[in-house]
Amino acid sequence: ASPSDSSSVISWSPPQQTNGELTGYTLSIEQLLDYGMPVNGSAMNASVDVTMTSYNWSGLSPGVPYQTCISAVNSLGPGDPWCKVFFTMEEVPSVAPVEVVVTRSS
């Protein structure tokens, strides 16, 4: 996964052993708490065509951990998932410093 502050692109290569003709891929992503448990209601899922080899997850929160998983799918259903944990990048500060004082030096 190649993360930014609010999106991440996951890319892959087709499995070497497909046990039949691939029909597509299923993907999932969910935000994790600091101790690795998923955040309730954060899961997103996608199904993509067999010709695709990347997917862009958008609408992510900056500076937090996520787990994304992908499974190859054939006529019998999805295979074992491959999963990876990553952090989105933090954003730059959105406000300027306050109460700045300039004093003359001697």
PDB file of N, CA and C in Angstrom:
ATOM      1  N   ALA A   1       0.850  -1.187   0.000  1.00  0.00           N
ATOM      2  CA  ALA A   1       0.000   0.000   0.000  1.00  0.00           C
ATOM      3  C   ALA A   1       0.882   1.232   0.000  1.00  0.00           C
ATOM      4  N   SER A   2       0.505   2.228  -0.767  1.00  0.00           N
ATOM      5  CA  SER A   2       1.245   3.487  -0.786  1.00  0.00           C
ATOM      6  C   SER A   2       0.316   4.588  -0.266  1.00  0.00           C
ATOM      7  N   PRO A   3       0.429   4.917   1.036  1.00  0.00           N
ATOM      8  CA  PRO A   3      -0.528   5.819   1.656  1.00  0.00           C
ATOM      9  C   PRO A   3      -0.203   7.300   1.474  1.00  0.00           C
ATOM     10  N   SER A   4      -1.257   8.129   1.508  1.00  0.00           N
ATOM     11  CA  SER A   4      -1.131   9.574   1.633  1.00  0.00           C
ATOM     12  C   SER A   4      -1.871   9.926   2.919  1.00  0.00           C
ATOM     13  N   ASP A   5      -2.306  11.182   3.082  1.00  0.00           N
ATOM     14  CA  ASP A   5      -3.013  11.521   4.316  1.00  0.00           C
ATOM     15  C   ASP A   5      -4.477  11.077   4.308  1.00  0.00           C
ATOM     16  N   SER A   6      -5.089  10.899   3.124  1.00  0.00           N
ATOM     17  CA  SER A   6      -6.501  10.519   3.108  1.00  0.00           C
ATOM     18  C   SER A   6      -6.828   9.423   2.090  1.00  0.00           C
ATOM     19  N   SER A   7      -5.817   8.813   1.502  1.00  0.00           N
ATOM     20  CA  SER A   7      -6.054   7.720   0.563  1.00  0.00           C
ATOM     21  C   SER A   7      -4.864   6.767   0.568  1.00  0.00           C
ATOM     22  N   SER A   8      -5.079   5.603  -0.014  1.00  0.00           N
ATOM     23  CA  SER A   8      -4.010   4.615  -0.134  1.00  0.00           C
ATOM     24  C   SER A   8      -4.286   3.739  -1.349  1.00  0.00           C
ATOM     25  N   VAL A   9      -3.252   3.509  -2.147  1.00  0.00           N
ATOM     26  CA  VAL A   9      -3.365   2.635  -3.309  1.00  0.00           C
ATOM     27  C   VAL A   9      -2.761   1.285  -2.949  1.00  0.00           C
ATOM     28  N   ILE A  10      -3.552   0.234  -3.101  1.00  0.00           N
ATOM     29  CA  ILE A  10      -3.047  -1.122  -2.914  1.00  0.00           C
ATOM     30  C   ILE A  10      -2.890  -1.720  -4.304  1.00  0.00           C
ATOM     31  N   SER A  11      -1.762  -2.352  -4.550  1.00  0.00           N
ATOM     32  CA  SER A  11      -1.535  -2.985  -5.850  1.00  0.00           C
ATOM     33  C   SER A  11      -1.057  -4.412  -5.628  1.00  0.00           C
ATOM     34  N   TRP A  12      -1.264  -5.266  -6.633  1.00  0.00           N
ATOM     35  CA  TRP A  12      -0.960  -6.682  -6.486  1.00  0.00           C
ATOM     36  C   TRP A  12      -0.672  -7.309  -7.842  1.00  0.00           C
ATOM     37  N   SER A  13      -0.151  -8.516  -7.782  1.00  0.00           N
ATOM     38  CA  SER A  13       0.019  -9.359  -8.964  1.00  0.00           C
ATOM     39  C   SER A  13      -0.903 -10.561  -8.808  1.00  0.00           C
ATOM     40  N   PRO A  14      -1.423 -11.090  -9.915  1.00  0.00           N
ATOM     41  CA  PRO A  14      -2.313 -12.262  -9.807  1.00  0.00           C
ATOM     42  C   PRO A  14      -1.590 -13.431  -9.142  1.00  0.00           C
ATOM     43  N   PRO A  15      -2.333 -14.294  -8.449  1.00  0.00           N
ATOM     44  CA  PRO A  15      -1.704 -15.463  -7.830  1.00  0.00           C
ATOM     45  C   PRO A  15      -1.147 -16.407  -8.898  1.00  0.00           C
ATOM     46  N   GLN A  16      -0.062 -17.097  -8.545  1.00  0.00           N
ATOM     47  CA  GLN A  16       0.547 -18.024  -9.496  1.00  0.00           C
ATOM     48  C   GLN A  16      -0.285 -19.281  -9.659  1.00  0.00           C
ATOM     49  N   GLN A  17      -0.983 -19.695  -8.610  1.00  0.00           N
ATOM     50  CA  GLN A  17      -1.843 -20.878  -8.688  1.00  0.00           C
ATOM     51  C   GLN A  17      -3.270 -20.424  -8.390  1.00  0.00           C
ATOM     52  N   THR A  18      -4.142 -20.508  -9.379  1.00  0.00           N
ATOM     53  CA  THR A  18      -5.498 -19.972  -9.235  1.00  0.00           C
ATOM     54  C   THR A  18      -6.555 -21.025  -8.922  1.00  0.00           C
ATOM     55  N   ASN A  19      -6.235 -22.300  -9.082  1.00  0.00           N
ATOM     56  CA  ASN A  19      -7.211 -23.378  -8.839  1.00  0.00           C
ATOM     57  C   ASN A  19      -8.500 -23.149  -9.627  1.00  0.00           C
ATOM     58  N   GLY A  20      -8.356 -22.733 -10.856  1.00  0.00           N
ATOM     59  CA  GLY A  20      -9.495 -22.424 -11.723  1.00  0.00           C
ATOM     60  C   GLY A  20      -9.348 -21.025 -12.280  1.00  0.00           C
ATOM     61  N   GLU A  21     -10.297 -20.619 -13.085  1.00  0.00           N
ATOM     62  CA  GLU A  21     -10.229 -19.297 -13.710  1.00  0.00           C
ATOM     63  C   GLU A  21     -10.636 -18.216 -12.712  1.00  0.00           C
ATOM     64  N   LEU A  22      -9.765 -17.216 -12.554  1.00  0.00           N
ATOM     65  CA  LEU A  22     -10.102 -16.097 -11.672  1.00  0.00           C
ATOM     66  C   LEU A  22     -11.240 -15.282 -12.263  1.00  0.00           C
ATOM     67  N   THR A  23     -12.130 -14.820 -11.381  1.00  0.00           N
ATOM     68  CA  THR A  23     -13.245 -13.977 -11.820  1.00  0.00           C
ATOM     69  C   THR A  23     -13.120 -12.553 -11.285  1.00  0.00           C
ATOM     70  N   GLY A  24     -12.226 -12.328 -10.348  1.00  0.00           N
ATOM     71  CA  GLY A  24     -12.036 -10.990  -9.789  1.00  0.00           C
ATOM     72  C   GLY A  24     -11.313 -11.036  -8.469  1.00  0.00           C
ATOM     73  N   TYR A  25     -11.407  -9.928  -7.736  1.00  0.00           N
ATOM     74  CA  TYR A  25     -10.773  -9.787  -6.428  1.00  0.00           C
ATOM     75  C   TYR A  25     -11.747  -9.106  -5.481  1.00  0.00           C
ATOM     76  N   THR A  26     -11.706  -9.472  -4.213  1.00  0.00           N
ATOM     77  CA  THR A  26     -12.446  -8.751  -3.190  1.00  0.00           C
ATOM     78  C   THR A  26     -11.432  -8.060  -2.289  1.00  0.00           C
ATOM     79  N   LEU A  27     -11.740  -6.836  -1.919  1.00  0.00           N
ATOM     80  CA  LEU A  27     -10.857  -6.042  -1.072  1.00  0.00           C
ATOM     81  C   LEU A  27     -11.635  -5.519   0.124  1.00  0.00           C
ATOM     82  N   SER A  28     -10.935  -5.328   1.216  1.00  0.00           N
ATOM     83  CA  SER A  28     -11.550  -4.722   2.393  1.00  0.00           C
ATOM     84  C   SER A  28     -10.514  -3.838   3.069  1.00  0.00           C
ATOM     85  N   ILE A  29     -11.012  -2.869   3.825  1.00  0.00           N
ATOM     86  CA  ILE A  29     -10.138  -2.005   4.607  1.00  0.00           C
ATOM     87  C   ILE A  29     -10.898  -1.601   5.853  1.00  0.00           C
ATOM     88  N   GLU A  30     -10.189  -1.498   6.973  1.00  0.00           N
ATOM     89  CA  GLU A  30     -10.808  -0.986   8.187  1.00  0.00           C
ATOM     90  C   GLU A  30      -9.764  -0.278   9.034  1.00  0.00           C
ATOM     91  N   GLN A  31     -10.233   0.757   9.694  1.00  0.00           N
ATOM     92  CA  GLN A  31      -9.369   1.527  10.584  1.00  0.00           C
ATOM     93  C   GLN A  31      -9.137   0.723  11.853  1.00  0.00           C
ATOM     94  N   LEU A  32      -7.928   0.813  12.397  1.00  0.00           N
ATOM     95  CA  LEU A  32      -7.585   0.081  13.610  1.00  0.00           C
ATOM     96  C   LEU A  32      -7.372   1.040  14.767  1.00  0.00           C
ATOM     97  N   LEU A  33      -7.690   0.576  15.966  1.00  0.00           N
ATOM     98  CA  LEU A  33      -7.336   1.305  17.172  1.00  0.00           C
ATOM     99  C   LEU A  33      -5.851   1.092  17.432  1.00  0.00           C
ATOM    100  N   ASP A  34      -5.283   1.847  18.344  1.00  0.00           N
ATOM    101  CA  ASP A  34      -3.847   1.753  18.626  1.00  0.00           C
ATOM    102  C   ASP A  34      -3.407   0.349  19.020  1.00  0.00           C
ATOM    103  N   TYR A  35      -4.286  -0.441  19.602  1.00  0.00           N
ATOM    104  CA  TYR A  35      -3.915  -1.788  20.029  1.00  0.00           C
ATOM    105  C   TYR A  35      -4.338  -2.859  19.021  1.00  0.00           C
ATOM    106  N   GLY A  36      -4.674  -2.446  17.791  1.00  0.00           N
ATOM    107  CA  GLY A  36      -4.890  -3.387  16.706  1.00  0.00           C
ATOM    108  C   GLY A  36      -6.309  -3.873  16.485  1.00  0.00           C
ATOM    109  N   MET A  37      -7.229  -3.482  17.333  1.00  0.00           N
ATOM    110  CA  MET A  37      -8.624  -3.888  17.152  1.00  0.00           C
ATOM    111  C   MET A  37      -9.291  -2.957  16.137  1.00  0.00           C
ATOM    112  N   PRO A  38     -10.229  -3.462  15.329  1.00  0.00           N
ATOM    113  CA  PRO A  38     -10.896  -2.608  14.340  1.00  0.00           C
ATOM    114  C   PRO A  38     -11.835  -1.600  14.989  1.00  0.00           C
ATOM    115  N   VAL A  39     -11.952  -0.441  14.368  1.00  0.00           N
ATOM    116  CA  VAL A  39     -12.900   0.584  14.788  1.00  0.00           C
ATOM    117  C   VAL A  39     -14.275   0.182  14.260  1.00  0.00           C
ATOM    118  N   ASN A  40     -15.262   0.080  15.131  1.00  0.00           N
ATOM    119  CA  ASN A  40     -16.613  -0.307  14.707  1.00  0.00           C
ATOM    120  C   ASN A  40     -17.134   0.632  13.637  1.00  0.00           C
ATOM    121  N   GLY A  41     -17.693   0.058  12.570  1.00  0.00           N
ATOM    122  CA  GLY A  41     -18.296   0.844  11.509  1.00  0.00           C
ATOM    123  C   GLY A  41     -17.325   1.424  10.506  1.00  0.00           C
ATOM    124  N   SER A  42     -16.040   1.083  10.605  1.00  0.00           N
ATOM    125  CA  SER A  42     -15.048   1.670   9.690  1.00  0.00           C
ATOM    126  C   SER A  42     -14.770   0.807   8.465  1.00  0.00           C
ATOM    127  N   ALA A  43     -15.312  -0.391   8.409  1.00  0.00           N
ATOM    128  CA  ALA A  43     -14.995  -1.313   7.311  1.00  0.00           C
ATOM    129  C   ALA A  43     -15.606  -0.846   5.992  1.00  0.00           C
ATOM    130  N   MET A  44     -14.811  -0.945   4.935  1.00  0.00           N
ATOM    131  CA  MET A  44     -15.272  -0.700   3.572  1.00  0.00           C
ATOM    132  C   MET A  44     -14.875  -1.908   2.746  1.00  0.00           C
ATOM    133  N   ASN A  45     -15.691  -2.256   1.748  1.00  0.00           N
ATOM    134  CA  ASN A  45     -15.434  -3.407   0.893  1.00  0.00           C
ATOM    135  C   ASN A  45     -15.562  -3.015  -0.564  1.00  0.00           C
ATOM    136  N   ALA A  46     -14.841  -3.740  -1.413  1.00  0.00           N
ATOM    137  CA  ALA A  46     -14.926  -3.502  -2.859  1.00  0.00           C
ATOM    138  C   ALA A  46     -14.698  -4.824  -3.578  1.00  0.00           C
ATOM    139  N   SER A  47     -15.321  -4.963  -4.727  1.00  0.00           N
ATOM    140  CA  SER A  47     -15.076  -6.083  -5.633  1.00  0.00           C
ATOM    141  C   SER A  47     -14.614  -5.486  -6.947  1.00  0.00           C
ATOM    142  N   VAL A  48     -13.544  -6.044  -7.513  1.00  0.00           N
ATOM    143  CA  VAL A  48     -13.001  -5.503  -8.753  1.00  0.00           C
ATOM    144  C   VAL A  48     -12.826  -6.602  -9.791  1.00  0.00           C
ATOM    145  N   ASP A  49     -12.754  -6.184 -11.027  1.00  0.00           N
ATOM    146  CA  ASP A  49     -12.595  -7.077 -12.166  1.00  0.00           C
ATOM    147  C   ASP A  49     -11.245  -7.783 -12.121  1.00  0.00           C
ATOM    148  N   VAL A  50     -11.183  -8.946 -12.715  1.00  0.00           N
ATOM    149  CA  VAL A  50      -9.959  -9.752 -12.734  1.00  0.00           C
ATOM    150  C   VAL A  50      -8.812  -9.038 -13.447  1.00  0.00           C
ATOM    151  N   THR A  51      -9.108  -8.082 -14.333  1.00  0.00           N
ATOM    152  CA  THR A  51      -8.050  -7.370 -15.063  1.00  0.00           C
ATOM    153  C   THR A  51      -7.383  -6.283 -14.230  1.00  0.00           C
ATOM    154  N   MET A  52      -7.980  -5.909 -13.106  1.00  0.00           N
ATOM    155  CA  MET A  52      -7.409  -4.842 -12.270  1.00  0.00           C
ATOM    156  C   MET A  52      -6.274  -5.369 -11.409  1.00  0.00           C
ATOM    157  N   THR A  53      -5.261  -4.552 -11.213  1.00  0.00           N
ATOM    158  CA  THR A  53      -4.138  -4.919 -10.349  1.00  0.00           C
ATOM    159  C   THR A  53      -3.825  -3.830  -9.335  1.00  0.00           C
ATOM    160  N   SER A  54      -4.748  -2.880  -9.160  1.00  0.00           N
ATOM    161  CA  SER A  54      -4.597  -1.872  -8.109  1.00  0.00           C
ATOM    162  C   SER A  54      -5.960  -1.291  -7.775  1.00  0.00           C
ATOM    163  N   TYR A  55      -6.046  -0.697  -6.578  1.00  0.00           N
ATOM    164  CA  TYR A  55      -7.289  -0.082  -6.134  1.00  0.00           C
ATOM    165  C   TYR A  55      -6.948   1.072  -5.213  1.00  0.00           C
ATOM    166  N   ASN A  56      -7.668   2.179  -5.346  1.00  0.00           N
ATOM    167  CA  ASN A  56      -7.431   3.361  -4.529  1.00  0.00           C
ATOM    168  C   ASN A  56      -8.509   3.468  -3.453  1.00  0.00           C
ATOM    169  N   TRP A  57      -8.105   3.313  -2.190  1.00  0.00           N
ATOM    170  CA  TRP A  57      -9.006   3.564  -1.075  1.00  0.00           C
ATOM    171  C   TRP A  57      -8.951   5.055  -0.786  1.00  0.00           C
ATOM    172  N   SER A  58     -10.088   5.738  -0.767  1.00  0.00           N
ATOM    173  CA  SER A  58     -10.110   7.165  -0.465  1.00  0.00           C
ATOM    174  C   SER A  58     -11.027   7.427   0.719  1.00  0.00           C
ATOM    175  N   GLY A  59     -10.998   8.656   1.217  1.00  0.00           N
ATOM    176  CA  GLY A  59     -11.828   9.014   2.360  1.00  0.00           C
ATOM    177  C   GLY A  59     -11.293   8.499   3.682  1.00  0.00           C
ATOM    178  N   LEU A  60      -9.978   8.226   3.745  1.00  0.00           N
ATOM    179  CA  LEU A  60      -9.370   7.717   4.972  1.00  0.00           C
ATOM    180  C   LEU A  60      -9.015   8.878   5.907  1.00  0.00           C
ATOM    181  N   SER A  61      -8.879   8.576   7.172  1.00  0.00           N
ATOM    182  CA  SER A  61      -8.480   9.585   8.155  1.00  0.00           C
ATOM    183  C   SER A  61      -6.957   9.678   8.200  1.00  0.00           C
ATOM    184  N   PRO A  62      -6.412  10.878   8.349  1.00  0.00           N
ATOM    185  CA  PRO A  62      -4.958  11.032   8.371  1.00  0.00           C
ATOM    186  C   PRO A  62      -4.319  10.558   9.680  1.00  0.00           C
ATOM    187  N   GLY A  63      -3.118   9.989   9.553  1.00  0.00           N
ATOM    188  CA  GLY A  63      -2.287   9.641  10.702  1.00  0.00           C
ATOM    189  C   GLY A  63      -2.786   8.491  11.553  1.00  0.00           C
ATOM    190  N   VAL A  64      -3.556   7.574  10.988  1.00  0.00           N
ATOM    191  CA  VAL A  64      -4.074   6.451  11.771  1.00  0.00           C
ATOM    192  C   VAL A  64      -3.784   5.124  11.069  1.00  0.00           C
ATOM    193  N   PRO A  65      -3.787   4.015  11.831  1.00  0.00           N
ATOM    194  CA  PRO A  65      -3.527   2.713  11.215  1.00  0.00           C
ATOM    195  C   PRO A  65      -4.774   2.136  10.544  1.00  0.00           C
ATOM    196  N   TYR A  66      -4.526   1.435   9.444  1.00  0.00           N
ATOM    197  CA  TYR A  66      -5.559   0.709   8.717  1.00  0.00           C
ATOM    198  C   TYR A  66      -5.046  -0.682   8.399  1.00  0.00           C
ATOM    199  N   GLN A  67      -5.961  -1.622   8.226  1.00  0.00           N
ATOM    200  CA  GLN A  67      -5.623  -2.935   7.681  1.00  0.00           C
ATOM    201  C   GLN A  67      -6.410  -3.107   6.399  1.00  0.00           C
ATOM    202  N   THR A  68      -5.706  -3.457   5.325  1.00  0.00           N
ATOM    203  CA  THR A  68      -6.365  -3.750   4.063  1.00  0.00           C
ATOM    204  C   THR A  68      -6.086  -5.205   3.703  1.00  0.00           C
ATOM    205  N   CYS A  69      -7.079  -5.850   3.112  1.00  0.00           N
ATOM    206  CA  CYS A  69      -6.963  -7.258   2.721  1.00  0.00           C
ATOM    207  C   CYS A  69      -7.463  -7.430   1.296  1.00  0.00           C
ATOM    208  N   ILE A  70      -6.902  -8.404   0.594  1.00  0.00           N
ATOM    209  CA  ILE A  70      -7.336  -8.732  -0.763  1.00  0.00           C
ATOM    210  C   ILE A  70      -7.377 -10.248  -0.924  1.00  0.00           C
ATOM    211  N   SER A  71      -8.401 -10.723  -1.613  1.00  0.00           N
ATOM    212  CA  SER A  71      -8.540 -12.149  -1.929  1.00  0.00           C
ATOM    213  C   SER A  71      -8.825 -12.299  -3.411  1.00  0.00           C
ATOM    214  N   ALA A  72      -8.211 -13.303  -4.036  1.00  0.00           N
ATOM    215  CA  ALA A  72      -8.558 -13.663  -5.408  1.00  0.00           C
ATOM    216  C   ALA A  72      -9.844 -14.482  -5.363  1.00  0.00           C
ATOM    217  N   VAL A  73     -10.686 -14.318  -6.388  1.00  0.00           N
ATOM    218  CA  VAL A  73     -11.983 -15.000  -6.422  1.00  0.00           C
ATOM    219  C   VAL A  73     -12.076 -15.832  -7.703  1.00  0.00           C
ATOM    220  N   ASN A  74     -12.557 -17.090  -7.563  1.00  0.00           N
ATOM    221  CA  ASN A  74     -12.894 -17.903  -8.734  1.00  0.00           C
ATOM    222  C   ASN A  74     -14.346 -18.350  -8.595  1.00  0.00           C
ATOM    223  N   SER A  75     -14.783 -19.278  -9.399  1.00  0.00           N
ATOM    224  CA  SER A  75     -16.198 -19.679  -9.398  1.00  0.00           C
ATOM    225  C   SER A  75     -16.648 -20.286  -8.065  1.00  0.00           C
ATOM    226  N   LEU A  76     -15.716 -20.735  -7.237  1.00  0.00           N
ATOM    227  CA  LEU A  76     -16.068 -21.317  -5.942  1.00  0.00           C
ATOM    228  C   LEU A  76     -16.061 -20.297  -4.815  1.00  0.00           C
ATOM    229  N   GLY A  77     -15.598 -19.074  -5.101  1.00  0.00           N
ATOM    230  CA  GLY A  77     -15.588 -18.034  -4.072  1.00  0.00           C
ATOM    231  C   GLY A  77     -14.198 -17.475  -3.842  1.00  0.00           C
ATOM    232  N   PRO A  78     -14.029 -16.681  -2.771  1.00  0.00           N
ATOM    233  CA  PRO A  78     -12.732 -16.065  -2.488  1.00  0.00           C
ATOM    234  C   PRO A  78     -11.750 -17.046  -1.855  1.00  0.00           C
ATOM    235  N   GLY A  79     -10.474 -16.824  -2.179  1.00  0.00           N
ATOM    236  CA  GLY A  79      -9.414 -17.601  -1.554  1.00  0.00           C
ATOM    237  C   GLY A  79      -8.955 -16.932  -0.265  1.00  0.00           C
ATOM    238  N   ASP A  80      -7.854 -17.429   0.276  1.00  0.00           N
ATOM    239  CA  ASP A  80      -7.304 -16.849   1.498  1.00  0.00           C
ATOM    240  C   ASP A  80      -6.911 -15.399   1.256  1.00  0.00           C
ATOM    241  N   PRO A  81      -7.161 -14.531   2.240  1.00  0.00           N
ATOM    242  CA  PRO A  81      -6.795 -13.121   2.059  1.00  0.00           C
ATOM    243  C   PRO A  81      -5.320 -12.875   2.345  1.00  0.00           C
ATOM    244  N   TRP A  82      -4.783 -11.850   1.694  1.00  0.00           N
ATOM    245  CA  TRP A  82      -3.481 -11.294   2.020  1.00  0.00           C
ATOM    246  C   TRP A  82      -3.778  -9.958   2.676  1.00  0.00           C
ATOM    247  N   CYS A  83      -3.228  -9.713   3.869  1.00  0.00           N
ATOM    248  CA  CYS A  83      -3.541  -8.497   4.616  1.00  0.00           C
ATOM    249  C   CYS A  83      -2.276  -7.746   4.981  1.00  0.00           C
ATOM    250  N   LYS A  84      -2.406  -6.428   5.062  1.00  0.00           N
ATOM    251  CA  LYS A  84      -1.282  -5.576   5.443  1.00  0.00           C
ATOM    252  C   LYS A  84      -1.807  -4.420   6.278  1.00  0.00           C
ATOM    253  N   VAL A  85      -1.070  -4.095   7.341  1.00  0.00           N
ATOM    254  CA  VAL A  85      -1.371  -2.938   8.180  1.00  0.00           C
ATOM    255  C   VAL A  85      -0.462  -1.802   7.751  1.00  0.00           C
ATOM    256  N   PHE A  86      -1.024  -0.611   7.643  1.00  0.00           N
ATOM    257  CA  PHE A  86      -0.244   0.567   7.273  1.00  0.00           C
ATOM    258  C   PHE A  86      -0.827   1.788   7.967  1.00  0.00           C
ATOM    259  N   PHE A  87      -0.073   2.873   7.989  1.00  0.00           N
ATOM    260  CA  PHE A  87      -0.537   4.144   8.540  1.00  0.00           C
ATOM    261  C   PHE A  87      -0.694   5.145   7.420  1.00  0.00           C
ATOM    262  N   THR A  88      -1.789   5.896   7.437  1.00  0.00           N
ATOM    263  CA  THR A  88      -1.889   7.033   6.530  1.00  0.00           C
ATOM    264  C   THR A  88      -0.948   8.112   7.055  1.00  0.00           C
ATOM    265  N   MET A  89      -0.542   9.003   6.185  1.00  0.00           N
ATOM    266  CA  MET A  89       0.370  10.071   6.568  1.00  0.00           C
ATOM    267  C   MET A  89      -0.392  11.133   7.359  1.00  0.00           C
ATOM    268  N   GLU A  90       0.312  11.809   8.241  1.00  0.00           N
ATOM    269  CA  GLU A  90      -0.305  12.901   8.979  1.00  0.00           C
ATOM    270  C   GLU A  90      -0.384  14.130   8.099  1.00  0.00           C
ATOM    271  N   GLU A  91      -1.323  15.010   8.404  1.00  0.00           N
ATOM    272  CA  GLU A  91      -1.452  16.267   7.674  1.00  0.00           C
ATOM    273  C   GLU A  91      -0.534  17.318   8.298  1.00  0.00           C
ATOM    274  N   VAL A  92      -0.225  18.347   7.531  1.00  0.00           N
ATOM    275  CA  VAL A  92       0.505  19.486   8.080  1.00  0.00           C
ATOM    276  C   VAL A  92      -0.443  20.251   8.987  1.00  0.00           C
ATOM    277  N   PRO A  93       0.088  21.046   9.932  1.00  0.00           N
ATOM    278  CA  PRO A  93      -0.802  21.824  10.801  1.00  0.00           C
ATOM    279  C   PRO A  93      -1.738  22.711   9.978  1.00  0.00           C
ATOM    280  N   SER A  94      -2.994  22.787  10.399  1.00  0.00           N
ATOM    281  CA  SER A  94      -3.983  23.548   9.629  1.00  0.00           C
ATOM    282  C   SER A  94      -4.156  24.979  10.117  1.00  0.00           C
ATOM    283  N   VAL A  95      -3.513  25.340  11.228  1.00  0.00           N
ATOM    284  CA  VAL A  95      -3.605  26.704  11.740  1.00  0.00           C
ATOM    285  C   VAL A  95      -2.213  27.226  12.068  1.00  0.00           C
ATOM    286  N   ALA A  96      -2.080  28.540  12.004  1.00  0.00           N
ATOM    287  CA  ALA A  96      -0.804  29.179  12.327  1.00  0.00           C
ATOM    288  C   ALA A  96      -0.636  29.303  13.846  1.00  0.00           C
ATOM    289  N   PRO A  97       0.606  29.478  14.321  1.00  0.00           N
ATOM    290  CA  PRO A  97       0.821  29.720  15.753  1.00  0.00           C
ATOM    291  C   PRO A  97       0.065  30.978  16.192  1.00  0.00           C
ATOM    292  N   VAL A  98      -0.281  31.049  17.462  1.00  0.00           N
ATOM    293  CA  VAL A  98      -1.004  32.194  18.009  1.00  0.00           C
ATOM    294  C   VAL A  98      -0.209  32.861  19.111  1.00  0.00           C
ATOM    295  N   GLU A  99      -0.620  34.050  19.463  1.00  0.00           N
ATOM    296  CA  GLU A  99       0.010  34.818  20.539  1.00  0.00           C
ATOM    297  C   GLU A  99       1.511  34.944  20.334  1.00  0.00           C
ATOM    298  N   VAL A 100       1.906  35.259  19.118  1.00  0.00           N
ATOM    299  CA  VAL A 100       3.323  35.447  18.787  1.00  0.00           C
ATOM    300  C   VAL A 100       3.743  36.836  19.252  1.00  0.00           C
ATOM    301  N   VAL A 101       4.863  36.920  19.923  1.00  0.00           N
ATOM    302  CA  VAL A 101       5.376  38.202  20.420  1.00  0.00           C
ATOM    303  C   VAL A 101       6.767  38.407  19.845  1.00  0.00           C
ATOM    304  N   VAL A 102       6.991  39.605  19.340  1.00  0.00           N
ATOM    305  CA  VAL A 102       8.308  39.956  18.831  1.00  0.00           C
ATOM    306  C   VAL A 102       8.883  41.016  19.772  1.00  0.00           C
ATOM    307  N   THR A 103      10.075  40.747  20.271  1.00  0.00           N
ATOM    308  CA  THR A 103      10.739  41.712  21.151  1.00  0.00           C
ATOM    309  C   THR A 103      12.070  42.116  20.549  1.00  0.00           C
ATOM    310  N   ARG A 104      12.472  43.313  20.849  1.00  0.00           N
ATOM    311  CA  ARG A 104      13.730  43.831  20.325  1.00  0.00           C
ATOM    312  C   ARG A 104      14.878  43.252  21.129  1.00  0.00           C
ATOM    313  N   SER A 105      15.869  42.748  20.434  1.00  0.00           N
ATOM    314  CA  SER A 105      17.028  42.217  21.126  1.00  0.00           C
ATOM    315  C   SER A 105      18.108  43.283  21.199  1.00  0.00           C
ATOM    316  N   SER A 106      18.951  43.201  22.197  1.00  0.00           N
ATOM    317  CA  SER A 106      19.997  44.216  22.325  1.00  0.00           C
ATOM    318  C   SER A 106      21.348  43.736  21.856  1.00  0.00           C
TER     319      SER A 106
END
